[in-house]
N, C-alpha and C. Protein backbone atom coordinates (compact mmCIF):
# COMPACT_ATOMS: atom_id res chain seq x y z
N MET A 1 69.17 43.81 67.87
CA MET A 1 70.24 42.76 67.90
C MET A 1 71.37 43.27 67.30
N ASN A 2 71.35 43.79 66.17
CA ASN A 2 72.68 44.10 65.22
C ASN A 2 73.46 45.11 66.20
N LYS A 3 72.68 45.99 67.20
CA LYS A 3 73.40 47.13 67.75
C LYS A 3 74.12 46.41 68.99
N ILE A 4 73.44 45.56 69.47
CA ILE A 4 74.39 44.81 70.66
C ILE A 4 75.66 44.03 70.12
N PHE A 5 75.38 43.14 69.00
CA PHE A 5 76.40 42.17 68.51
C PHE A 5 77.56 43.52 67.62
N GLY A 6 77.10 44.61 67.26
CA GLY A 6 78.10 45.31 66.81
C GLY A 6 79.00 46.03 67.72
N TYR A 7 78.56 46.10 68.88
CA TYR A 7 79.15 46.54 70.02
C TYR A 7 80.04 45.53 70.32
N LEU A 8 79.66 44.74 70.42
CA LEU A 8 80.56 43.32 71.15
C LEU A 8 81.70 42.92 70.09
N LEU A 9 81.29 43.31 68.88
CA LEU A 9 82.62 42.75 67.90
C LEU A 9 83.51 43.99 67.99
N ILE A 10 82.98 45.28 68.12
CA ILE A 10 84.10 46.39 68.47
C ILE A 10 84.89 46.25 69.77
N CYS A 11 84.11 45.84 70.70
CA CYS A 11 84.87 45.46 71.79
C CYS A 11 85.89 44.25 71.78
N ALA A 12 85.40 43.40 70.90
CA ALA A 12 86.27 42.22 71.09
C ALA A 12 87.55 42.83 70.20
N GLY A 13 87.25 43.49 68.95
CA GLY A 13 88.43 43.89 67.93
C GLY A 13 89.55 44.92 68.88
N LEU A 14 89.02 45.82 69.70
CA LEU A 14 90.00 46.65 70.41
C LEU A 14 90.57 45.68 71.70
N LEU A 15 90.04 44.73 72.15
CA LEU A 15 90.57 43.86 73.05
C LEU A 15 91.77 43.02 72.31
N LEU A 16 91.39 42.77 71.22
CA LEU A 16 92.70 42.05 70.38
C LEU A 16 93.94 42.78 70.09
N ILE A 17 93.57 44.31 69.76
CA ILE A 17 94.63 45.15 69.34
C ILE A 17 95.27 45.37 70.68
N PHE A 18 94.61 45.61 71.57
CA PHE A 18 95.43 46.05 73.04
C PHE A 18 96.07 44.89 73.36
N PHE A 19 95.51 43.42 73.40
CA PHE A 19 96.80 42.42 73.48
C PHE A 19 97.73 42.42 72.79
N ALA A 20 97.53 42.57 71.45
CA ALA A 20 98.90 42.72 70.46
C ALA A 20 99.80 43.61 71.05
N LEU A 21 99.21 44.90 71.49
CA LEU A 21 100.13 45.98 71.56
C LEU A 21 100.87 45.66 73.02
N VAL A 22 100.11 45.25 74.02
CA VAL A 22 100.77 44.94 75.08
C VAL A 22 101.90 43.79 75.26
N GLY A 23 101.80 42.85 74.26
CA GLY A 23 102.47 41.82 74.04
C GLY A 23 103.66 42.29 73.70
N MET A 24 103.71 42.96 72.57
CA MET A 24 104.63 43.53 71.61
C MET A 24 105.50 44.69 72.88
N TYR A 25 104.96 45.38 73.57
CA TYR A 25 105.44 46.53 74.67
C TYR A 25 106.28 45.47 75.53
N LYS A 26 105.85 44.19 76.11
CA LYS A 26 106.36 43.37 77.00
C LYS A 26 107.68 42.72 76.51
N ILE A 27 107.67 42.24 75.32
CA ILE A 27 109.01 41.80 74.71
C ILE A 27 109.84 42.91 74.38
N PHE A 28 109.66 43.74 73.50
CA PHE A 28 110.58 44.78 72.92
C PHE A 28 110.72 45.85 74.07
N ALA A 29 110.20 46.27 75.02
CA ALA A 29 110.45 47.41 75.93
C ALA A 29 110.83 46.57 77.34
N GLY A 30 109.81 45.65 77.71
CA GLY A 30 110.00 45.11 78.89
C GLY A 30 111.52 44.00 79.16
N GLY A 31 111.92 43.64 78.01
CA GLY A 31 113.10 42.67 77.94
C GLY A 31 112.34 41.17 78.26
N ASN A 32 111.29 40.80 78.20
CA ASN A 32 110.90 39.57 78.48
C ASN A 32 111.36 38.67 77.13
N ALA A 33 111.70 37.36 77.43
CA ALA A 33 112.21 36.56 76.80
C ALA A 33 111.17 35.88 75.74
N VAL A 34 111.18 35.96 74.44
CA VAL A 34 110.11 35.12 73.21
C VAL A 34 110.27 33.69 73.77
N MET A 35 109.11 33.08 73.34
CA MET A 35 109.18 31.68 73.29
C MET A 35 109.76 31.21 72.11
N PRO A 36 111.11 30.57 72.27
CA PRO A 36 111.76 29.91 71.05
C PRO A 36 111.09 29.26 70.28
N ILE A 37 110.75 29.54 69.05
CA ILE A 37 110.24 28.92 67.95
C ILE A 37 111.04 28.27 66.98
N VAL A 38 112.04 29.04 66.68
CA VAL A 38 113.26 28.63 65.62
C VAL A 38 114.36 28.12 66.84
N GLN A 39 115.13 27.26 66.49
CA GLN A 39 116.44 27.00 67.59
C GLN A 39 117.47 26.21 66.41
N LEU A 40 118.45 27.41 66.19
CA LEU A 40 119.93 27.23 65.46
C LEU A 40 120.98 26.55 66.09
N ALA A 41 121.59 25.53 65.51
CA ALA A 41 122.62 25.05 66.08
C ALA A 41 123.97 25.56 65.53
N ASP A 42 124.83 25.76 66.48
CA ASP A 42 125.79 26.41 66.27
C ASP A 42 126.78 25.90 64.74
N MET A 43 127.39 26.85 64.05
CA MET A 43 127.73 26.41 62.71
C MET A 43 129.30 26.10 62.72
N GLN A 44 129.76 25.59 62.10
CA GLN A 44 131.52 24.96 61.92
C GLN A 44 131.79 25.26 60.43
N LEU A 45 132.63 26.38 60.12
CA LEU A 45 133.42 26.46 58.65
C LEU A 45 134.87 25.95 58.92
N ASN A 46 134.87 25.14 57.72
CA ASN A 46 136.56 24.68 57.58
C ASN A 46 136.96 25.82 56.65
N THR A 47 138.17 26.59 57.18
CA THR A 47 138.87 27.73 56.17
C THR A 47 140.43 26.96 56.32
N ALA A 48 141.18 28.16 55.52
CA ALA A 48 142.56 27.68 55.11
C ALA A 48 143.14 27.79 56.50
N TYR A 49 142.66 28.55 57.56
CA TYR A 49 143.39 28.75 58.85
C TYR A 49 142.61 27.81 59.92
N GLY A 50 141.97 26.77 59.83
CA GLY A 50 141.45 26.09 60.21
C GLY A 50 139.86 26.02 60.79
N PRO A 51 139.36 25.38 61.42
CA PRO A 51 137.74 25.25 61.77
C PRO A 51 137.36 26.49 62.60
N VAL A 52 136.35 27.28 61.94
CA VAL A 52 135.86 28.55 62.92
C VAL A 52 134.37 27.91 63.17
N GLN A 53 134.02 28.56 64.33
CA GLN A 53 133.05 28.09 65.15
C GLN A 53 131.78 29.27 65.07
N ILE A 54 130.71 29.68 64.16
CA ILE A 54 129.97 30.41 64.15
C ILE A 54 128.62 30.42 65.34
N PRO A 55 128.71 31.22 66.20
CA PRO A 55 127.44 30.88 66.95
C PRO A 55 126.04 31.34 66.47
N MET A 56 125.02 30.62 66.42
CA MET A 56 123.99 31.10 65.91
C MET A 56 122.89 31.39 66.81
N LYS A 57 123.11 31.69 68.04
CA LYS A 57 122.13 31.89 69.14
C LYS A 57 121.62 33.43 68.99
N SER A 58 122.31 34.54 68.42
CA SER A 58 121.85 35.79 68.37
C SER A 58 121.06 35.59 66.90
N ALA A 59 121.16 34.94 65.90
CA ALA A 59 120.42 34.78 64.66
C ALA A 59 118.96 34.11 65.13
N ALA A 60 119.01 33.28 65.89
CA ALA A 60 117.98 32.57 66.31
C ALA A 60 116.98 33.61 67.22
N THR A 61 117.74 34.23 67.72
CA THR A 61 117.13 35.25 68.84
C THR A 61 116.14 36.53 67.86
N VAL A 62 117.00 36.96 67.03
CA VAL A 62 116.52 37.67 65.79
C VAL A 62 115.16 37.26 64.88
N ILE A 63 115.24 35.78 64.58
CA ILE A 63 114.41 35.40 64.01
C ILE A 63 113.19 35.05 64.83
N ASN A 64 113.24 34.57 65.82
CA ASN A 64 112.12 34.57 66.92
C ASN A 64 111.57 35.94 67.10
N LEU A 65 112.20 36.99 67.46
CA LEU A 65 111.57 38.04 67.31
C LEU A 65 110.63 38.55 66.34
N VAL A 66 111.46 38.35 65.06
CA VAL A 66 110.52 38.94 63.74
C VAL A 66 109.20 37.99 63.73
N LEU A 67 109.39 36.71 64.10
CA LEU A 67 108.21 35.96 63.75
C LEU A 67 106.79 36.19 64.87
N PHE A 68 107.61 36.61 66.30
CA PHE A 68 106.47 37.08 67.07
C PHE A 68 105.97 38.45 66.67
N ALA A 69 106.90 39.46 66.11
CA ALA A 69 106.09 40.67 65.61
C ALA A 69 105.06 40.14 64.67
N LEU A 70 105.75 39.68 63.75
CA LEU A 70 104.56 39.22 62.69
C LEU A 70 103.06 38.51 63.26
N PHE A 71 103.31 37.56 64.33
CA PHE A 71 102.14 37.19 64.80
C PHE A 71 101.32 38.12 65.56
N MET A 72 102.02 38.86 66.33
CA MET A 72 101.15 40.31 66.88
C MET A 72 100.70 41.27 65.85
N ALA A 73 101.31 41.33 64.56
CA ALA A 73 100.67 42.06 63.57
C ALA A 73 99.50 41.50 62.75
N PHE A 74 99.53 40.12 63.01
CA PHE A 74 98.43 39.45 62.75
C PHE A 74 97.01 39.36 63.20
N VAL A 75 97.49 39.40 64.69
CA VAL A 75 96.45 39.32 65.83
C VAL A 75 95.99 40.64 66.02
N ALA A 76 96.75 41.84 65.66
CA ALA A 76 96.11 43.06 65.64
C ALA A 76 95.29 43.46 64.51
N GLY A 77 95.58 42.86 63.13
CA GLY A 77 94.80 42.97 61.98
C GLY A 77 93.54 42.27 62.43
N ILE A 78 93.39 41.26 62.96
CA ILE A 78 92.42 40.58 62.94
C ILE A 78 91.37 41.33 64.03
N GLY A 79 91.89 41.87 65.11
CA GLY A 79 91.27 43.03 65.82
C GLY A 79 90.77 44.01 64.94
N SER A 80 91.47 44.46 64.24
CA SER A 80 90.99 45.94 63.40
C SER A 80 89.51 45.27 62.39
N LYS A 81 89.90 44.07 61.85
CA LYS A 81 88.73 43.71 61.01
C LYS A 81 87.68 43.30 61.88
N LEU A 82 87.70 42.93 63.05
CA LEU A 82 86.47 42.58 63.81
C LEU A 82 85.85 43.90 64.17
N ALA A 83 86.60 44.77 64.64
CA ALA A 83 86.02 46.51 64.83
C ALA A 83 85.53 46.95 63.80
N ALA A 84 85.84 46.75 62.40
CA ALA A 84 85.44 47.15 61.30
C ALA A 84 84.09 46.69 60.97
N ILE A 85 84.01 45.51 61.25
CA ILE A 85 82.70 44.65 60.86
C ILE A 85 81.65 45.46 62.07
N GLY A 86 81.92 45.15 63.05
CA GLY A 86 81.15 45.74 64.31
C GLY A 86 80.80 47.17 64.11
N ASN A 87 81.40 48.20 63.34
CA ASN A 87 81.20 49.48 62.88
C ASN A 87 80.03 49.30 61.77
N GLY A 88 80.42 48.33 60.92
CA GLY A 88 79.39 48.43 59.70
C GLY A 88 78.04 47.99 60.06
N LEU A 89 77.99 47.07 60.99
CA LEU A 89 76.73 46.63 61.74
C LEU A 89 76.03 47.99 62.55
N LEU A 90 76.80 48.60 63.17
CA LEU A 90 76.16 49.63 63.75
C LEU A 90 75.65 50.90 62.84
N LYS A 91 76.58 51.05 61.71
CA LYS A 91 76.16 52.08 60.60
C LYS A 91 74.85 51.88 59.68
N THR A 92 74.94 50.41 59.70
CA THR A 92 73.69 49.60 59.02
C THR A 92 72.36 49.83 59.67
N GLU A 93 72.56 49.67 60.96
CA GLU A 93 71.34 49.78 62.21
C GLU A 93 71.04 51.34 62.15
N ARG A 94 71.91 52.04 62.13
CA ARG A 94 71.67 53.56 62.36
C ARG A 94 70.66 54.26 60.83
N ILE A 95 71.27 53.47 59.76
CA ILE A 95 70.54 53.67 58.75
C ILE A 95 69.16 53.39 58.64
N CYS A 96 68.72 52.01 58.99
CA CYS A 96 67.76 51.45 59.09
C CYS A 96 66.73 52.31 60.14
N GLU A 97 67.15 52.63 61.41
CA GLU A 97 66.29 53.40 62.21
C GLU A 97 65.95 54.47 61.76
N ALA A 98 66.82 55.42 60.82
CA ALA A 98 66.78 56.32 60.22
C ALA A 98 65.65 56.69 59.31
N LEU A 99 65.53 55.32 58.53
CA LEU A 99 64.51 55.36 57.47
C LEU A 99 63.34 54.89 57.99
N LEU A 100 63.36 54.23 59.46
CA LEU A 100 62.06 53.90 59.83
C LEU A 100 61.35 54.96 60.59
N GLU A 101 62.22 55.70 60.90
CA GLU A 101 61.63 57.22 61.60
C GLU A 101 61.06 58.30 60.46
N ASN A 102 61.81 58.10 59.26
CA ASN A 102 61.41 59.28 58.11
C ASN A 102 61.25 58.41 57.02
N PRO A 103 60.13 57.77 56.64
CA PRO A 103 59.99 56.99 55.45
C PRO A 103 60.00 57.70 54.08
N SER A 104 59.69 58.74 54.12
CA SER A 104 59.73 59.92 53.06
C SER A 104 61.03 60.13 52.56
N ALA A 105 62.06 60.20 53.27
CA ALA A 105 63.37 60.54 53.08
C ALA A 105 63.80 59.61 51.87
N LEU A 106 63.37 58.27 51.84
CA LEU A 106 63.70 57.35 50.97
C LEU A 106 62.96 57.68 49.45
N GLN A 107 61.63 58.09 49.54
CA GLN A 107 61.00 58.44 48.28
C GLN A 107 61.71 59.73 47.73
N HIS A 108 61.94 60.56 48.55
CA HIS A 108 62.45 61.93 48.15
C HIS A 108 64.09 61.36 47.35
N LYS A 109 64.57 60.72 47.71
CA LYS A 109 65.82 60.35 47.45
C LYS A 109 65.78 59.79 45.98
N GLU A 110 64.76 58.78 45.66
CA GLU A 110 64.38 58.18 44.70
C GLU A 110 63.62 59.39 43.58
N GLN A 111 63.26 60.47 44.23
CA GLN A 111 62.86 61.49 43.08
C GLN A 111 64.07 62.05 42.58
N VAL A 112 64.98 62.27 43.37
CA VAL A 112 66.16 63.13 43.07
C VAL A 112 67.05 62.22 41.99
N ASN A 113 67.25 61.01 42.16
CA ASN A 113 67.70 60.12 41.35
C ASN A 113 67.27 60.00 39.65
N ARG A 114 65.88 60.17 39.99
CA ARG A 114 65.55 60.45 38.51
C ARG A 114 65.85 61.44 37.87
N LEU A 115 65.81 62.31 38.44
CA LEU A 115 66.08 63.55 37.50
C LEU A 115 67.72 63.90 37.03
């Protein structure tokens, strides 16, 4: 049972990592637009020479790209943790199977540790 669950966790982790990479590729290389999370209004500064209008659209775009990249890095991190848990389950299952096939190996290891 651990073997099946381990493989499922590895597959789910790899799918999350793949989803994050494809999402990043579509946004940064494909030129798709990011969902606007932060919207900034234009800023007006009063100077000695008169009011100056500063457009904030480019700053909002950069902030949205950074937030999207952080979210995709978070998703990829979750995927790597899931894959690591699945790998640990498979490793534990292999150790248990090896001990069931050769129980004398455990006794031999205990004798070596006593020395």
